[in-house]
C-alpha atoms as a PDB file:
ATOM      1  CA  MET A   1      99.986 106.320  60.263  1.00  0.00           C
ATOM      2  CA  PHE A   2     100.385 107.967  56.865  1.00  0.00           C
ATOM      3  CA  ASP A   3     103.352 105.677  55.832  1.00  0.00           C
ATOM      4  CA  VAL A   4     103.437 103.606  52.599  1.00  0.00           C
ATOM      5  CA  THR A   5     104.170 100.131  52.412  1.00  0.00           C
ATOM      6  CA  LEU A   6     106.628  98.621  49.910  1.00  0.00           C
ATOM      7  CA  ILE A   7     105.235  95.406  48.253  1.00  0.00           C
ATOM      8  CA  LYS A   8     107.844  95.158  45.119  1.00  0.00           C
ATOM      9  CA  ASP A   9     111.513  95.878  44.664  1.00  0.00           C
ATOM     10  CA  GLU A  10     113.331  94.816  41.404  1.00  0.00           C
ATOM     11  CA  THR A  11     116.454  95.826  39.781  1.00  0.00           C
ATOM     12  CA  ALA A  12     117.271  94.742  36.200  1.00  0.00           C
ATOM     13  CA  ASN A  13     119.812  96.485  33.945  1.00  0.00           C
ATOM     14  CA  GLY A  14     120.544  99.489  36.223  1.00  0.00           C
ATOM     15  CA  VAL A  15     116.682 100.416  36.763  1.00  0.00           C
ATOM     16  CA  ARG A  16     114.933  99.754  39.846  1.00  0.00           C
ATOM     17  CA  ARG A  17     111.188  99.255  39.918  1.00  0.00           C
ATOM     18  CA  THR A  18     109.518  99.486  43.199  1.00  0.00           C
ATOM     19  CA  THR A  19     105.647  99.216  44.106  1.00  0.00           C
ATOM     20  CA  PHE A  20     104.099 100.720  47.154  1.00  0.00           C
ATOM     21  CA  LEU A  21     100.657 100.391  48.909  1.00  0.00           C
ATOM     22  CA  THR A  22      99.507 104.017  49.952  1.00  0.00           C
ATOM     23  CA  CYS A  23      97.719 104.792  53.217  1.00  0.00           C
ATOM     24  CA  PRO A  24      93.958 104.456  53.237  1.00  0.00           C
ATOM     25  CA  GLU A  25      93.539 108.270  53.591  1.00  0.00           C
ATOM     26  CA  VAL A  26      94.439 109.063  49.967  1.00  0.00           C
ATOM     27  CA  CYS A  27      92.282 108.137  46.827  1.00  0.00           C
ATOM     28  CA  SER A  28      95.156 106.334  45.060  1.00  0.00           C
ATOM     29  CA  GLU A  29      96.008 102.732  46.060  1.00  0.00           C
ATOM     30  CA  ILE A  30      99.348 101.970  44.619  1.00  0.00           C
ATOM     31  CA  ILE A  31     102.341 103.938  43.399  1.00  0.00           C
ATOM     32  CA  SER A  32     105.025 102.461  41.097  1.00  0.00           C
ATOM     33  CA  ILE A  33     108.273 103.922  40.562  1.00  0.00           C
ATOM     34  CA  GLU A  34     110.930 103.593  38.216  1.00  0.00           C
ATOM     35  CA  THR A  35     114.617 105.008  39.266  1.00  0.00           C
ATOM     36  CA  GLN A  36     117.949 104.635  37.520  1.00  0.00           C
ATOM     37  CA  GLY A  37     120.440 105.987  40.125  1.00  0.00           C
ATOM     38  CA  ASP A  38     119.062 108.896  41.925  1.00  0.00           C
ATOM     39  CA  THR A  39     116.899 109.999  38.766  1.00  0.00           C
ATOM     40  CA  ILE A  40     113.168 109.119  38.542  1.00  0.00           C
ATOM     41  CA  ARG A  41     112.640 107.491  35.320  1.00  0.00           C
ATOM     42  CA  SER A  42     108.784 107.173  35.808  1.00  0.00           C
ATOM     43  CA  VAL A  43     105.614 107.213  38.418  1.00  0.00           C
ATOM     44  CA  GLN A  44     102.507 105.579  37.931  1.00  0.00           C
ATOM     45  CA  TYR A  45      99.403 105.473  40.311  1.00  0.00           C
ATOM     46  CA  VAL A  46      96.554 103.123  40.314  1.00  0.00           C
ATOM     47  CA  LYS A  47      93.415 104.891  41.322  1.00  0.00           C
ATOM     48  CA  GLY A  48      93.419 108.446  42.524  1.00  0.00           C
ATOM     49  CA  CYS A  49      92.334 111.549  40.537  1.00  0.00           C
ATOM     50  CA  HIS A  50      93.681 110.312  37.128  1.00  0.00           C
ATOM     51  CA  GLY A  51      94.716 113.638  35.369  1.00  0.00           C
ATOM     52  CA  ASN A  52      96.291 114.845  38.615  1.00  0.00           C
ATOM     53  CA  THR A  53      98.217 111.595  39.153  1.00  0.00           C
ATOM     54  CA  GLN A  54      99.423 111.643  35.489  1.00  0.00           C
ATOM     55  CA  GLY A  55     100.436 114.933  35.865  1.00  0.00           C
ATOM     56  CA  ILE A  56     102.664 114.232  38.949  1.00  0.00           C
ATOM     57  CA  GLY A  57     104.108 111.465  37.086  1.00  0.00           C
ATOM     58  CA  SER A  58     105.023 113.365  34.024  1.00  0.00           C
ATOM     59  CA  LEU A  59     106.442 116.262  36.099  1.00  0.00           C
ATOM     60  CA  CYS A  60     108.810 113.889  38.249  1.00  0.00           C
ATOM     61  CA  ALA A  61     110.258 111.952  35.143  1.00  0.00           C
ATOM     62  CA  GLY A  62     113.574 113.007  34.927  1.00  0.00           C
ATOM     63  CA  MET A  63     113.897 114.664  38.309  1.00  0.00           C
ATOM     64  CA  LYS A  64     116.350 113.669  41.083  1.00  0.00           C
ATOM     65  CA  VAL A  65     114.733 111.815  43.759  1.00  0.00           C
ATOM     66  CA  SER A  66     115.711 114.325  46.576  1.00  0.00           C
ATOM     67  CA  ASP A  67     114.195 117.117  44.505  1.00  0.00           C
ATOM     68  CA  VAL A  68     110.984 115.373  44.217  1.00  0.00           C
ATOM     69  CA  ILE A  69     110.862 114.617  47.865  1.00  0.00           C
ATOM     70  CA  THR A  70     111.502 118.353  48.950  1.00  0.00           C
ATOM     71  CA  ARG A  71     108.981 119.608  46.550  1.00  0.00           C
ATOM     72  CA  LEU A  72     106.038 117.047  47.546  1.00  0.00           C
ATOM     73  CA  GLU A  73     106.951 115.865  50.770  1.00  0.00           C
ATOM     74  CA  GLY A  74     103.965 117.642  53.252  1.00  0.00           C
ATOM     75  CA  ILE A  75     101.365 118.262  50.750  1.00  0.00           C
ATOM     76  CA  ASP A  76      97.870 117.693  52.104  1.00  0.00           C
ATOM     77  CA  CYS A  77      94.446 116.965  50.761  1.00  0.00           C
ATOM     78  CA  HIS A  78      91.496 118.172  52.294  1.00  0.00           C
ATOM     79  CA  GLY A  79      92.831 118.000  55.744  1.00  0.00           C
ATOM     80  CA  ARG A  80      93.665 114.414  55.797  1.00  0.00           C
ATOM     81  CA  GLY A  81      97.483 114.859  56.772  1.00  0.00           C
ATOM     82  CA  THR A  82      98.849 113.492  53.350  1.00  0.00           C
ATOM     83  CA  SER A  83      97.982 113.411  49.900  1.00  0.00           C
ATOM     84  CA  CYS A  84      99.130 111.317  46.858  1.00  0.00           C
ATOM     85  CA  PRO A  85     101.996 113.649  46.180  1.00  0.00           C
ATOM     86  CA  ASP A  86     102.885 113.126  49.781  1.00  0.00           C
ATOM     87  CA  GLN A  87     102.903 109.508  49.597  1.00  0.00           C
ATOM     88  CA  LEU A  88     105.233 109.601  46.478  1.00  0.00           C
ATOM     89  CA  ALA A  89     107.418 111.785  48.779  1.00  0.00           C
ATOM     90  CA  ARG A  90     107.252 109.103  51.294  1.00  0.00           C
ATOM     91  CA  ALA A  91     107.883 106.142  49.029  1.00  0.00           C
ATOM     92  CA  LEU A  92     110.862 107.834  47.553  1.00  0.00           C
ATOM     93  CA  LYS A  93     112.332 108.331  51.065  1.00  0.00           C
ATOM     94  CA  GLN A  94     112.562 104.546  51.449  1.00  0.00           C
ATOM     95  CA  LEU A  95     114.514 104.221  48.308  1.00  0.00           C
END
């Protein structure tokens, strides 16, 4: 119900670039993630609360994928059952 959908997955020079559609319950529509090994290089959201999504991306850069999942999984926004951070955790679990 709250799952994200993988729409793009490319790897070049050891950097994996993935793009996910978020579920309709959140403000953001797309999350683009760059990882190298098990480390996040960057996270970018399309739409959503611009300052908050920029902050999430900035905080996640350089972190281990598993650490980000642990911190963000289950965060709820206004009783929706998910949130932009939770959607990122769901996307990272698919990597």
